[in-house]
Amino acid sequence: MKQHLLSINDLSREEIGSVLDTARFDFLDLSKREIKKVPTLRGRTVINLFYEKSTRTSTSFELAGKRLSADVINVKADSSATGKGESLKDTVLTLGAYRPDIIVIRHPHVGAAAFVARYVVAGAHVINAGDGKGEHPTQSLLDIFSLQQEFGEDLAGLRVAIVGDILHSRVARSNIIGFQKMGMEVKLVAPPALLPRGVEALGAEARHGLDALADVDVIYLLRTQSERHERANYLPSLREYISRYQVGLRHLSGGQKVLHPGPINRGVEISAELADSGEHLILQQVEAGLAVRMAVMYRIIVDSAAAAADEAAAGDSRAGARAAEGEEAAGKAKIKNIRAVG
């Protein structure tokens, strides 16, 4: 892994597979043990900096750090100096004085995680836990992991339909990229107003009706991101949206499995009957999220340390080669001088 995880594009298909293998073989079963803790990150400091409300993501990142034995500090915007006018830059500089190893950032503005990475203290790692309608890379990783647990590790050819407010969804953006990296076929189903412009450039087929679900293996539901609509009327009415885009058991004619990043809006994008059934993987996603985020925290530190060691070794090798060349040149000069004197 690179120093920071800001986008799912920061990982190749092989790196995604490697991180998920770490989650599967090293951390998934930890929750079933009597002692749910390993000393992997003992002495490390993790700061969770959240500027938006969150249950699943904030809880899993906190638990992930603690189960890895790291010192975890949780900073919520509504109880921080942000309320007194402190900027994000100054908050990051202040927290950097504590020499954290990892800063997990969630923020309502696109690009906030990349901004934090610019000003974070040297050696620290930034993990994007969601930046506005930008990206949410660890959600994509845990979704891929959940699908592997259900369908097997090779997901090539799996057909997935993402349904709902795709325009405002950071999860959709990361999953379109992540799913396609793993060889899945992605279809987007939403009202025209809730699809991004130039959606064809994403490499996914766009459809406007739930009849498109008939030939897919997975239905990935999204809630309407009303907090990002900024008072614009993207929908004629919520009632019409429910009548046309709510997914229920009757849409699962082919035995499809349903995923949802949460929180669900029961009775809106998902029927209560489906939410209470065994046809979805929502709680499996929550369980996967803890293991995957533990793997990300572990690997981002270990891989960076290994890369730094390799770079240092390469530097020593280059320095040794230069020294040897210098000695050889000096020797030749000495011989030349002896001959001149003779």
C-alpha atoms as a PDB file:
ATOM      1  CA  MET A   1       0.000   0.000   0.000  1.00  0.00           C
ATOM      2  CA  LYS A   2       0.994   3.624  -0.504  1.00  0.00           C
ATOM      3  CA  GLN A   3       1.509   6.077   2.351  1.00  0.00           C
ATOM      4  CA  HIS A   4      -2.140   7.221   2.201  1.00  0.00           C
ATOM      5  CA  LEU A   5      -5.434   5.615   1.169  1.00  0.00           C
ATOM      6  CA  LEU A   6      -7.425   8.452  -0.388  1.00  0.00           C
ATOM      7  CA  SER A   7      -9.110   6.631  -3.279  1.00  0.00           C
ATOM      8  CA  ILE A   8      -9.795   3.049  -4.276  1.00  0.00           C
ATOM      9  CA  ASN A   9      -7.634   3.929  -7.298  1.00  0.00           C
ATOM     10  CA  ASP A  10      -4.662   4.031  -4.912  1.00  0.00           C
ATOM     11  CA  LEU A  11      -4.806   0.224  -4.940  1.00  0.00           C
ATOM     12  CA  SER A  12      -4.245  -2.146  -7.844  1.00  0.00           C
ATOM     13  CA  ARG A  13      -6.349  -5.289  -8.219  1.00  0.00           C
ATOM     14  CA  GLU A  14      -3.474  -7.309  -6.762  1.00  0.00           C
ATOM     15  CA  GLU A  15      -3.133  -4.952  -3.787  1.00  0.00           C
ATOM     16  CA  ILE A  16      -6.875  -5.144  -3.121  1.00  0.00           C
ATOM     17  CA  GLY A  17      -6.622  -8.937  -3.093  1.00  0.00           C
ATOM     18  CA  SER A  18      -3.640  -8.821  -0.748  1.00  0.00           C
ATOM     19  CA  VAL A  19      -5.333  -6.468   1.749  1.00  0.00           C
ATOM     20  CA  LEU A  20      -8.501  -8.582   1.740  1.00  0.00           C
ATOM     21  CA  ASP A  21      -6.450 -11.751   2.278  1.00  0.00           C
ATOM     22  CA  THR A  22      -4.970 -10.082   5.374  1.00  0.00           C
ATOM     23  CA  ALA A  23      -8.487  -9.302   6.593  1.00  0.00           C
ATOM     24  CA  ARG A  24      -9.702 -12.834   5.868  1.00  0.00           C
ATOM     25  CA  PHE A  25      -6.832 -14.853   7.329  1.00  0.00           C
ATOM     26  CA  ASP A  26      -5.566 -12.600  10.120  1.00  0.00           C
ATOM     27  CA  PHE A  27      -8.479 -10.582  11.478  1.00  0.00           C
ATOM     28  CA  LEU A  28     -11.917 -11.923  10.494  1.00  0.00           C
ATOM     29  CA  ASP A  29     -12.144 -14.538  13.251  1.00  0.00           C
ATOM     30  CA  LEU A  30     -10.713 -12.263  15.943  1.00  0.00           C
ATOM     31  CA  SER A  31     -14.232 -11.245  17.037  1.00  0.00           C
ATOM     32  CA  LYS A  32     -15.024 -14.881  17.847  1.00  0.00           C
ATOM     33  CA  ARG A  33     -12.149 -15.216  20.315  1.00  0.00           C
ATOM     34  CA  GLU A  34     -12.463 -14.663  24.041  1.00  0.00           C
ATOM     35  CA  ILE A  35      -9.689 -12.057  23.901  1.00  0.00           C
ATOM     36  CA  LYS A  36     -10.539  -9.837  20.939  1.00  0.00           C
ATOM     37  CA  LYS A  37      -7.211  -8.048  20.758  1.00  0.00           C
ATOM     38  CA  VAL A  38      -3.787  -8.423  19.155  1.00  0.00           C
ATOM     39  CA  PRO A  39      -0.635  -6.390  19.922  1.00  0.00           C
ATOM     40  CA  THR A  40       0.015  -5.532  16.262  1.00  0.00           C
ATOM     41  CA  LEU A  41      -0.081  -1.710  16.593  1.00  0.00           C
ATOM     42  CA  ARG A  42       0.872  -1.379  20.260  1.00  0.00           C
ATOM     43  CA  GLY A  43       2.483   2.009  20.829  1.00  0.00           C
ATOM     44  CA  ARG A  44       0.945   3.504  17.675  1.00  0.00           C
ATOM     45  CA  THR A  45      -1.514   6.413  17.734  1.00  0.00           C
ATOM     46  CA  VAL A  46      -4.657   6.602  15.602  1.00  0.00           C
ATOM     47  CA  ILE A  47      -6.769   9.777  15.407  1.00  0.00           C
ATOM     48  CA  ASN A  48     -10.301   9.495  14.031  1.00  0.00           C
ATOM     49  CA  LEU A  49     -11.319  12.961  12.830  1.00  0.00           C
ATOM     50  CA  PHE A  50     -15.006  13.009  11.899  1.00  0.00           C
ATOM     51  CA  TYR A  51     -16.797  16.098  10.597  1.00  0.00           C
ATOM     52  CA  GLU A  52     -19.971  14.171   9.724  1.00  0.00           C
ATOM     53  CA  LYS A  53     -22.336  11.958  11.670  1.00  0.00           C
ATOM     54  CA  SER A  54     -21.509   8.268  11.481  1.00  0.00           C
ATOM     55  CA  THR A  55     -22.322   4.993  13.214  1.00  0.00           C
ATOM     56  CA  ARG A  56     -20.822   2.102  11.211  1.00  0.00           C
ATOM     57  CA  THR A  57     -17.679   3.791   9.879  1.00  0.00           C
ATOM     58  CA  SER A  58     -16.690   5.634  13.058  1.00  0.00           C
ATOM     59  CA  THR A  59     -17.400   2.637  15.291  1.00  0.00           C
ATOM     60  CA  SER A  60     -15.513   0.187  13.090  1.00  0.00           C
ATOM     61  CA  PHE A  61     -12.459   2.432  12.766  1.00  0.00           C
ATOM     62  CA  GLU A  62     -12.406   2.960  16.533  1.00  0.00           C
ATOM     63  CA  LEU A  63     -12.782  -0.751  17.217  1.00  0.00           C
ATOM     64  CA  ALA A  64     -10.209  -1.604  14.552  1.00  0.00           C
ATOM     65  CA  GLY A  65      -7.598   0.598  16.183  1.00  0.00           C
ATOM     66  CA  LYS A  66      -8.330  -0.639  19.688  1.00  0.00           C
ATOM     67  CA  ARG A  67      -8.324  -4.311  18.701  1.00  0.00           C
ATOM     68  CA  LEU A  68      -4.922  -3.740  17.122  1.00  0.00           C
ATOM     69  CA  SER A  69      -3.844  -2.300  20.529  1.00  0.00           C
ATOM     70  CA  ALA A  70      -3.270   1.214  19.173  1.00  0.00           C
ATOM     71  CA  ASP A  71      -3.965   4.345  21.229  1.00  0.00           C
ATOM     72  CA  VAL A  72      -7.156   5.711  19.648  1.00  0.00           C
ATOM     73  CA  ILE A  73      -8.309   9.334  19.886  1.00  0.00           C
ATOM     74  CA  ASN A  74     -11.754  10.268  18.550  1.00  0.00           C
ATOM     75  CA  VAL A  75     -12.319  13.886  17.510  1.00  0.00           C
ATOM     76  CA  LYS A  76     -15.843  14.953  16.558  1.00  0.00           C
ATOM     77  CA  ALA A  77     -16.327  18.283  14.825  1.00  0.00           C
ATOM     78  CA  ASP A  78     -19.235  19.340  17.044  1.00  0.00           C
ATOM     79  CA  SER A  79     -17.086  18.984  20.182  1.00  0.00           C
ATOM     80  CA  SER A  80     -13.802  20.311  18.768  1.00  0.00           C
ATOM     81  CA  ALA A  81     -12.300  23.752  18.171  1.00  0.00           C
ATOM     82  CA  THR A  82     -13.966  23.739  14.755  1.00  0.00           C
ATOM     83  CA  GLY A  83     -16.982  25.242  16.486  1.00  0.00           C
ATOM     84  CA  LYS A  84     -14.739  28.120  17.547  1.00  0.00           C
ATOM     85  CA  GLY A  85     -13.661  28.844  14.000  1.00  0.00           C
ATOM     86  CA  GLU A  86     -10.551  26.684  13.678  1.00  0.00           C
ATOM     87  CA  SER A  87      -9.803  25.696  10.077  1.00  0.00           C
ATOM     88  CA  LEU A  88      -9.195  22.141   8.901  1.00  0.00           C
ATOM     89  CA  LYS A  89      -5.567  23.026   8.160  1.00  0.00           C
ATOM     90  CA  ASP A  90      -4.952  24.312  11.679  1.00  0.00           C
ATOM     91  CA  THR A  91      -6.737  21.323  13.205  1.00  0.00           C
ATOM     92  CA  VAL A  92      -4.476  18.965  11.263  1.00  0.00           C
ATOM     93  CA  LEU A  93      -1.348  20.925  12.227  1.00  0.00           C
ATOM     94  CA  THR A  94      -2.429  20.851  15.866  1.00  0.00           C
ATOM     95  CA  LEU A  95      -3.104  17.111  15.861  1.00  0.00           C
ATOM     96  CA  GLY A  96       0.176  16.571  14.022  1.00  0.00           C
ATOM     97  CA  ALA A  97       2.027  17.904  17.068  1.00  0.00           C
ATOM     98  CA  TYR A  98       1.022  14.662  18.833  1.00  0.00           C
ATOM     99  CA  ARG A  99       2.897  12.672  16.165  1.00  0.00           C
ATOM    100  CA  PRO A 100       0.025  10.368  15.160  1.00  0.00           C
ATOM    101  CA  ASP A 101       0.701   7.329  13.003  1.00  0.00           C
ATOM    102  CA  ILE A 102      -2.710   7.346  11.293  1.00  0.00           C
ATOM    103  CA  ILE A 103      -5.366  10.025  10.794  1.00  0.00           C
ATOM    104  CA  VAL A 104      -8.759   8.759   9.650  1.00  0.00           C
ATOM    105  CA  ILE A 105     -10.744  11.647   8.176  1.00  0.00           C
ATOM    106  CA  ARG A 106     -14.413  11.994   7.263  1.00  0.00           C
ATOM    107  CA  HIS A 107     -15.487  15.367   5.910  1.00  0.00           C
ATOM    108  CA  PRO A 108     -18.453  16.833   3.985  1.00  0.00           C
ATOM    109  CA  HIS A 109     -16.253  18.346   1.259  1.00  0.00           C
ATOM    110  CA  VAL A 110     -14.719  16.531  -1.705  1.00  0.00           C
ATOM    111  CA  GLY A 111     -10.928  16.497  -1.533  1.00  0.00           C
ATOM    112  CA  ALA A 112     -10.694  16.986   2.241  1.00  0.00           C
ATOM    113  CA  ALA A 113      -8.689  13.789   2.746  1.00  0.00           C
ATOM    114  CA  ALA A 114      -6.160  14.819   0.080  1.00  0.00           C
ATOM    115  CA  PHE A 115      -5.957  18.244   1.754  1.00  0.00           C
ATOM    116  CA  VAL A 116      -5.181  16.617   5.113  1.00  0.00           C
ATOM    117  CA  ALA A 117      -2.498  14.479   3.460  1.00  0.00           C
ATOM    118  CA  ARG A 118      -0.753  17.682   2.312  1.00  0.00           C
ATOM    119  CA  TYR A 119      -0.383  19.041   5.841  1.00  0.00           C
ATOM    120  CA  VAL A 120      -0.104  15.918   7.969  1.00  0.00           C
ATOM    121  CA  VAL A 121       3.126  15.432   9.917  1.00  0.00           C
ATOM    122  CA  ALA A 122       5.867  13.531   8.086  1.00  0.00           C
ATOM    123  CA  GLY A 123       5.540   9.766   8.432  1.00  0.00           C
ATOM    124  CA  ALA A 124       1.818   9.819   9.277  1.00  0.00           C
ATOM    125  CA  HIS A 125      -0.772   8.056   7.134  1.00  0.00           C
ATOM    126  CA  VAL A 126      -4.169   9.404   6.058  1.00  0.00           C
ATOM    127  CA  ILE A 127      -7.173   7.148   5.442  1.00  0.00           C
ATOM    128  CA  ASN A 128     -10.192   8.623   3.686  1.00  0.00           C
ATOM    129  CA  ALA A 129     -13.354   7.598   5.548  1.00  0.00           C
ATOM    130  CA  GLY A 130     -15.550   9.561   3.123  1.00  0.00           C
ATOM    131  CA  ASP A 131     -15.115  13.031   1.620  1.00  0.00           C
ATOM    132  CA  GLY A 132     -18.427  14.573   0.604  1.00  0.00           C
ATOM    133  CA  LYS A 133     -19.659  12.906  -2.567  1.00  0.00           C
ATOM    134  CA  GLY A 134     -16.070  12.073  -3.531  1.00  0.00           C
ATOM    135  CA  GLU A 135     -14.971   8.616  -2.445  1.00  0.00           C
ATOM    136  CA  HIS A 136     -15.143   6.053   0.359  1.00  0.00           C
ATOM    137  CA  PRO A 137     -12.385   3.511  -0.396  1.00  0.00           C
ATOM    138  CA  THR A 138     -12.674   1.320   2.708  1.00  0.00           C
ATOM    139  CA  GLN A 139     -16.407   0.878   2.056  1.00  0.00           C
ATOM    140  CA  SER A 140     -15.553  -0.426  -1.412  1.00  0.00           C
ATOM    141  CA  LEU A 141     -12.988  -2.810   0.078  1.00  0.00           C
ATOM    142  CA  LEU A 142     -15.443  -4.225   2.608  1.00  0.00           C
ATOM    143  CA  ASP A 143     -18.122  -4.585  -0.074  1.00  0.00           C
ATOM    144  CA  ILE A 144     -15.741  -6.554  -2.289  1.00  0.00           C
ATOM    145  CA  PHE A 145     -14.805  -8.664   0.732  1.00  0.00           C
ATOM    146  CA  SER A 146     -18.494  -9.346   1.507  1.00  0.00           C
ATOM    147  CA  LEU A 147     -19.105 -10.422  -2.083  1.00  0.00           C
ATOM    148  CA  GLN A 148     -16.079 -12.723  -1.965  1.00  0.00           C
ATOM    149  CA  GLN A 149     -17.409 -14.327   1.206  1.00  0.00           C
ATOM    150  CA  GLU A 150     -20.717 -14.994  -0.576  1.00  0.00           C
ATOM    151  CA  PHE A 151     -19.643 -15.793  -4.153  1.00  0.00           C
ATOM    152  CA  GLY A 152     -15.980 -16.818  -3.855  1.00  0.00           C
ATOM    153  CA  GLU A 153     -12.748 -14.908  -4.242  1.00  0.00           C
ATOM    154  CA  ASP A 154     -12.928 -14.690  -8.051  1.00  0.00           C
ATOM    155  CA  LEU A 155     -15.658 -12.123  -8.775  1.00  0.00           C
ATOM    156  CA  ALA A 156     -14.958 -11.756 -12.500  1.00  0.00           C
ATOM    157  CA  GLY A 157     -18.203 -11.694 -14.465  1.00  0.00           C
ATOM    158  CA  LEU A 158     -20.421 -11.059 -11.423  1.00  0.00           C
ATOM    159  CA  ARG A 159     -23.235  -8.695 -12.430  1.00  0.00           C
ATOM    160  CA  VAL A 160     -24.022  -5.872  -9.991  1.00  0.00           C
ATOM    161  CA  ALA A 161     -26.728  -3.211 -10.168  1.00  0.00           C
ATOM    162  CA  ILE A 162     -26.223  -0.089  -8.024  1.00  0.00           C
ATOM    163  CA  VAL A 163     -29.635   1.453  -7.352  1.00  0.00           C
ATOM    164  CA  GLY A 164     -30.500   4.869  -5.950  1.00  0.00           C
ATOM    165  CA  ASP A 165     -28.959   8.297  -5.502  1.00  0.00           C
ATOM    166  CA  ILE A 166     -25.773   7.680  -7.472  1.00  0.00           C
ATOM    167  CA  LEU A 167     -25.170  11.378  -8.194  1.00  0.00           C
ATOM    168  CA  HIS A 168     -24.474  12.248  -4.538  1.00  0.00           C
ATOM    169  CA  SER A 169     -22.972   8.929  -3.401  1.00  0.00           C
ATOM    170  CA  ARG A 170     -19.270   8.566  -2.596  1.00  0.00           C
ATOM    171  CA  VAL A 171     -19.894   4.859  -2.077  1.00  0.00           C
ATOM    172  CA  ALA A 172     -21.159   4.521  -5.654  1.00  0.00           C
ATOM    173  CA  ARG A 173     -18.076   6.257  -7.043  1.00  0.00           C
ATOM    174  CA  SER A 174     -15.655   4.024  -5.166  1.00  0.00           C
ATOM    175  CA  ASN A 175     -17.632   0.875  -5.906  1.00  0.00           C
ATOM    176  CA  ILE A 176     -17.930   1.526  -9.634  1.00  0.00           C
ATOM    177  CA  ILE A 177     -14.126   1.690  -9.743  1.00  0.00           C
ATOM    178  CA  GLY A 178     -13.503  -1.102  -7.236  1.00  0.00           C
ATOM    179  CA  PHE A 179     -16.031  -3.546  -8.672  1.00  0.00           C
ATOM    180  CA  GLN A 180     -14.701  -3.054 -12.183  1.00  0.00           C
ATOM    181  CA  LYS A 181     -11.120  -3.572 -10.970  1.00  0.00           C
ATOM    182  CA  MET A 182     -12.221  -7.005  -9.755  1.00  0.00           C
ATOM    183  CA  GLY A 183     -13.796  -7.845 -13.111  1.00  0.00           C
ATOM    184  CA  MET A 184     -17.443  -7.271 -12.199  1.00  0.00           C
ATOM    185  CA  GLU A 185     -20.028  -5.863 -14.592  1.00  0.00           C
ATOM    186  CA  VAL A 186     -21.686  -2.758 -13.138  1.00  0.00           C
ATOM    187  CA  LYS A 187     -25.098  -1.358 -14.002  1.00  0.00           C
ATOM    188  CA  LEU A 188     -26.458   1.922 -12.583  1.00  0.00           C
ATOM    189  CA  VAL A 189     -30.193   2.244 -11.933  1.00  0.00           C
ATOM    190  CA  ALA A 190     -31.606   5.629 -10.945  1.00  0.00           C
ATOM    191  CA  PRO A 191     -33.879   8.470 -12.041  1.00  0.00           C
ATOM    192  CA  PRO A 192     -32.129  10.606 -14.703  1.00  0.00           C
ATOM    193  CA  ALA A 193     -31.741  13.483 -12.225  1.00  0.00           C
ATOM    194  CA  LEU A 194     -29.801  11.225  -9.810  1.00  0.00           C
ATOM    195  CA  LEU A 195     -27.238  10.025 -12.342  1.00  0.00           C
ATOM    196  CA  PRO A 196     -24.000  12.002 -12.817  1.00  0.00           C
ATOM    197  CA  ARG A 197     -23.343  13.732 -16.114  1.00  0.00           C
ATOM    198  CA  GLY A 198     -21.237  11.727 -18.518  1.00  0.00           C
ATOM    199  CA  VAL A 199     -22.072   8.540 -16.671  1.00  0.00           C
ATOM    200  CA  GLU A 200     -21.019   6.539 -19.742  1.00  0.00           C
ATOM    201  CA  ALA A 201     -17.418   7.552 -19.062  1.00  0.00           C
ATOM    202  CA  LEU A 202     -17.561   5.483 -15.868  1.00  0.00           C
ATOM    203  CA  GLY A 203     -17.839   2.345 -17.968  1.00  0.00           C
ATOM    204  CA  ALA A 204     -21.187   1.336 -16.474  1.00  0.00           C
ATOM    205  CA  GLU A 205     -24.528   0.881 -18.193  1.00  0.00           C
ATOM    206  CA  ALA A 206     -27.218   3.338 -17.043  1.00  0.00           C
ATOM    207  CA  ARG A 207     -30.878   2.327 -16.707  1.00  0.00           C
ATOM    208  CA  HIS A 208     -33.933   4.088 -15.291  1.00  0.00           C
ATOM    209  CA  GLY A 209     -36.219   1.246 -14.174  1.00  0.00           C
ATOM    210  CA  LEU A 210     -36.112  -1.714 -11.781  1.00  0.00           C
ATOM    211  CA  ASP A 211     -36.739  -4.104 -14.665  1.00  0.00           C
ATOM    212  CA  ALA A 212     -32.963  -3.874 -15.093  1.00  0.00           C
ATOM    213  CA  LEU A 213     -32.563  -6.008 -11.945  1.00  0.00           C
ATOM    214  CA  ALA A 214     -33.855  -9.180 -13.563  1.00  0.00           C
ATOM    215  CA  ASP A 215     -30.498 -10.356 -14.926  1.00  0.00           C
ATOM    216  CA  VAL A 216     -28.096  -9.311 -12.141  1.00  0.00           C
ATOM    217  CA  ASP A 217     -26.505 -11.307  -9.333  1.00  0.00           C
ATOM    218  CA  VAL A 218     -26.233  -8.486  -6.793  1.00  0.00           C
ATOM    219  CA  ILE A 219     -28.434  -5.481  -6.021  1.00  0.00           C
ATOM    220  CA  TYR A 220     -26.569  -2.695  -4.231  1.00  0.00           C
ATOM    221  CA  LEU A 221     -28.984  -0.181  -2.689  1.00  0.00           C
ATOM    222  CA  LEU A 222     -28.253   3.442  -1.833  1.00  0.00           C
ATOM    223  CA  ARG A 223     -30.342   5.822   0.246  1.00  0.00           C
ATOM    224  CA  THR A 224     -31.284   9.251  -1.063  1.00  0.00           C
ATOM    225  CA  GLN A 225     -28.516  11.612   0.098  1.00  0.00           C
ATOM    226  CA  SER A 226     -30.895  14.394   1.103  1.00  0.00           C
ATOM    227  CA  GLU A 227     -28.235  16.216   3.152  1.00  0.00           C
ATOM    228  CA  ARG A 228     -26.318  16.815  -0.096  1.00  0.00           C
ATOM    229  CA  HIS A 229     -29.262  17.922  -2.219  1.00  0.00           C
ATOM    230  CA  GLU A 230     -28.817  21.545  -1.096  1.00  0.00           C
ATOM    231  CA  ARG A 231     -32.559  22.268  -1.372  1.00  0.00           C
ATOM    232  CA  ALA A 232     -32.652  21.284  -5.043  1.00  0.00           C
ATOM    233  CA  ASN A 233     -35.652  19.254  -6.203  1.00  0.00           C
ATOM    234  CA  TYR A 234     -34.057  16.168  -7.705  1.00  0.00           C
ATOM    235  CA  LEU A 235     -37.277  14.180  -7.251  1.00  0.00           C
ATOM    236  CA  PRO A 236     -40.909  15.123  -7.964  1.00  0.00           C
ATOM    237  CA  SER A 237     -41.859  13.578  -4.614  1.00  0.00           C
ATOM    238  CA  LEU A 238     -40.624  10.969  -2.165  1.00  0.00           C
ATOM    239  CA  ARG A 239     -43.839   9.002  -2.726  1.00  0.00           C
ATOM    240  CA  GLU A 240     -43.153   8.718  -6.463  1.00  0.00           C
ATOM    241  CA  TYR A 241     -39.545   7.695  -5.796  1.00  0.00           C
ATOM    242  CA  ILE A 242     -40.719   4.930  -3.452  1.00  0.00           C
ATOM    243  CA  SER A 243     -43.271   3.663  -5.960  1.00  0.00           C
ATOM    244  CA  ARG A 244     -40.686   3.455  -8.753  1.00  0.00           C
ATOM    245  CA  TYR A 245     -37.405   2.635  -7.006  1.00  0.00           C
ATOM    246  CA  GLN A 246     -38.101   0.860  -3.722  1.00  0.00           C
ATOM    247  CA  VAL A 247     -36.681  -2.677  -3.894  1.00  0.00           C
ATOM    248  CA  GLY A 248     -38.557  -5.501  -2.177  1.00  0.00           C
ATOM    249  CA  LEU A 249     -38.603  -9.283  -2.145  1.00  0.00           C
ATOM    250  CA  ARG A 250     -40.629  -9.326  -5.360  1.00  0.00           C
ATOM    251  CA  HIS A 251     -37.598  -7.978  -7.239  1.00  0.00           C
ATOM    252  CA  LEU A 252     -35.418 -10.933  -6.184  1.00  0.00           C
ATOM    253  CA  SER A 253     -36.817 -13.407  -8.672  1.00  0.00           C
ATOM    254  CA  GLY A 254     -33.362 -14.669  -9.593  1.00  0.00           C
ATOM    255  CA  GLY A 255     -32.133 -15.217  -6.033  1.00  0.00           C
ATOM    256  CA  GLN A 256     -30.079 -12.046  -6.021  1.00  0.00           C
ATOM    257  CA  LYS A 257     -28.313 -10.879  -2.872  1.00  0.00           C
ATOM    258  CA  VAL A 258     -28.813  -7.330  -1.621  1.00  0.00           C
ATOM    259  CA  LEU A 259     -26.141  -5.040  -0.160  1.00  0.00           C
ATOM    260  CA  HIS A 260     -26.491  -1.600   1.422  1.00  0.00           C
ATOM    261  CA  PRO A 261     -23.774   0.622   2.955  1.00  0.00           C
ATOM    262  CA  GLY A 262     -26.158   1.950   5.616  1.00  0.00           C
ATOM    263  CA  PRO A 263     -27.900   3.612   7.144  1.00  0.00           C
ATOM    264  CA  ILE A 264     -30.960   2.097   5.525  1.00  0.00           C
ATOM    265  CA  ASN A 265     -34.122   4.153   5.131  1.00  0.00           C
ATOM    266  CA  ARG A 266     -36.614   1.403   5.828  1.00  0.00           C
ATOM    267  CA  GLY A 267     -39.654   1.842   3.632  1.00  0.00           C
ATOM    268  CA  VAL A 268     -37.888   4.143   1.162  1.00  0.00           C
ATOM    269  CA  GLU A 269     -35.158   2.463  -0.943  1.00  0.00           C
ATOM    270  CA  ILE A 270     -35.678  -0.902   0.777  1.00  0.00           C
ATOM    271  CA  SER A 271     -38.978  -2.450   1.859  1.00  0.00           C
ATOM    272  CA  ALA A 272     -39.397  -3.453   5.487  1.00  0.00           C
ATOM    273  CA  GLU A 273     -40.062  -7.011   4.355  1.00  0.00           C
ATOM    274  CA  LEU A 274     -36.714  -7.210   2.544  1.00  0.00           C
ATOM    275  CA  ALA A 275     -34.881  -5.483   5.393  1.00  0.00           C
ATOM    276  CA  ASP A 276     -36.145  -8.142   7.815  1.00  0.00           C
ATOM    277  CA  SER A 277     -35.414 -11.072   5.480  1.00  0.00           C
ATOM    278  CA  GLY A 278     -32.314 -13.207   5.062  1.00  0.00           C
ATOM    279  CA  GLU A 279     -31.837 -12.121   1.450  1.00  0.00           C
ATOM    280  CA  HIS A 280     -29.400  -9.319   2.186  1.00  0.00           C
ATOM    281  CA  LEU A 281     -25.795  -9.135   3.358  1.00  0.00           C
ATOM    282  CA  ILE A 282     -26.079  -5.884   5.322  1.00  0.00           C
ATOM    283  CA  LEU A 283     -24.920  -7.223   8.686  1.00  0.00           C
ATOM    284  CA  GLN A 284     -22.208  -9.261   6.968  1.00  0.00           C
ATOM    285  CA  GLN A 285     -20.965  -5.977   5.524  1.00  0.00           C
ATOM    286  CA  VAL A 286     -20.761  -4.505   9.027  1.00  0.00           C
ATOM    287  CA  GLU A 287     -18.762  -7.502  10.251  1.00  0.00           C
ATOM    288  CA  ALA A 288     -16.517  -7.331   7.196  1.00  0.00           C
ATOM    289  CA  GLY A 289     -15.925  -3.624   7.784  1.00  0.00           C
ATOM    290  CA  LEU A 290     -14.136  -4.248  11.070  1.00  0.00           C
ATOM    291  CA  ALA A 291     -11.795  -6.912   9.673  1.00  0.00           C
ATOM    292  CA  VAL A 292     -11.065  -4.915   6.518  1.00  0.00           C
ATOM    293  CA  ARG A 293     -10.304  -1.694   8.373  1.00  0.00           C
ATOM    294  CA  MET A 294      -8.000  -3.573  10.737  1.00  0.00           C
ATOM    295  CA  ALA A 295      -6.204  -4.935   7.674  1.00  0.00           C
ATOM    296  CA  VAL A 296      -5.952  -1.459   6.103  1.00  0.00           C
ATOM    297  CA  MET A 297      -4.478   0.075   9.283  1.00  0.00           C
ATOM    298  CA  TYR A 298      -1.997  -2.757   9.667  1.00  0.00           C
ATOM    299  CA  ARG A 299      -0.927  -2.881   6.038  1.00  0.00           C
ATOM    300  CA  ILE A 300      -0.628   0.876   5.532  1.00  0.00           C
ATOM    301  CA  ILE A 301       1.957   1.002   8.345  1.00  0.00           C
ATOM    302  CA  VAL A 302       3.772  -2.263   7.614  1.00  0.00           C
ATOM    303  CA  ASP A 303       3.931  -1.785   3.844  1.00  0.00           C
ATOM    304  CA  SER A 304       5.168   1.794   4.190  1.00  0.00           C
ATOM    305  CA  ALA A 305       7.836   0.687   6.675  1.00  0.00           C
ATOM    306  CA  ALA A 306       8.946  -2.066   4.301  1.00  0.00           C
ATOM    307  CA  ALA A 307       9.059   0.380   1.387  1.00  0.00           C
ATOM    308  CA  ALA A 308      11.124   2.826   3.474  1.00  0.00           C
ATOM    309  CA  ALA A 309      13.533   0.036   4.457  1.00  0.00           C
ATOM    310  CA  ASP A 310      13.897  -1.036   0.821  1.00  0.00           C
ATOM    311  CA  GLU A 311      14.543   2.566  -0.205  1.00  0.00           C
ATOM    312  CA  ALA A 312      17.137   2.963   2.548  1.00  0.00           C
ATOM    313  CA  ALA A 313      18.829  -0.283   1.515  1.00  0.00           C
ATOM    314  CA  ALA A 314      18.848   0.852  -2.092  1.00  0.00           C
ATOM    315  CA  GLY A 315      20.309   4.176  -0.990  1.00  0.00           C
ATOM    316  CA  ASP A 316      23.057   2.391   0.979  1.00  0.00           C
ATOM    317  CA  SER A 317      23.763   0.215  -2.050  1.00  0.00           C
ATOM    318  CA  ARG A 318      24.020   3.245  -4.308  1.00  0.00           C
ATOM    319  CA  ALA A 319      26.256   5.006  -1.766  1.00  0.00           C
ATOM    320  CA  GLY A 320      28.448   1.900  -1.524  1.00  0.00           C
ATOM    321  CA  ALA A 321      28.726   1.701  -5.279  1.00  0.00           C
ATOM    322  CA  ARG A 322      29.690   5.373  -5.454  1.00  0.00           C
ATOM    323  CA  ALA A 323      32.268   4.859  -2.700  1.00  0.00           C
ATOM    324  CA  ALA A 324      33.719   1.865  -4.527  1.00  0.00           C
ATOM    325  CA  GLU A 325      33.900   3.851  -7.736  1.00  0.00           C
ATOM    326  CA  GLY A 326      35.621   6.661  -5.848  1.00  0.00           C
ATOM    327  CA  GLU A 327      38.160   4.278  -4.331  1.00  0.00           C
ATOM    328  CA  GLU A 328      38.820   2.720  -7.732  1.00  0.00           C
ATOM    329  CA  ALA A 329      39.328   6.151  -9.279  1.00  0.00           C
ATOM    330  CA  ALA A 330      41.624   7.173  -6.433  1.00  0.00           C
ATOM    331  CA  GLY A 331      43.619   3.984  -6.875  1.00  0.00           C
ATOM    332  CA  LYS A 332      44.057   4.623 -10.575  1.00  0.00           C
ATOM    333  CA  ALA A 333      45.130   8.189  -9.851  1.00  0.00           C
ATOM    334  CA  LYS A 334      47.659   6.919  -7.291  1.00  0.00           C
ATOM    335  CA  ILE A 335      49.130   4.423  -9.744  1.00  0.00           C
ATOM    336  CA  LYS A 336      49.326   7.151 -12.358  1.00  0.00           C
ATOM    337  CA  ASN A 337      51.119   9.431  -9.887  1.00  0.00           C
ATOM    338  CA  ILE A 338      53.594   6.699  -8.906  1.00  0.00           C
ATOM    339  CA  ARG A 339      54.385   6.085 -12.535  1.00  0.00           C
ATOM    340  CA  ALA A 340      54.808   9.806 -13.097  1.00  0.00           C
ATOM    341  CA  VAL A 341      57.179  10.072 -10.158  1.00  0.00           C
ATOM    342  CA  GLY A 342      59.157   7.034 -11.274  1.00  0.00           C
END
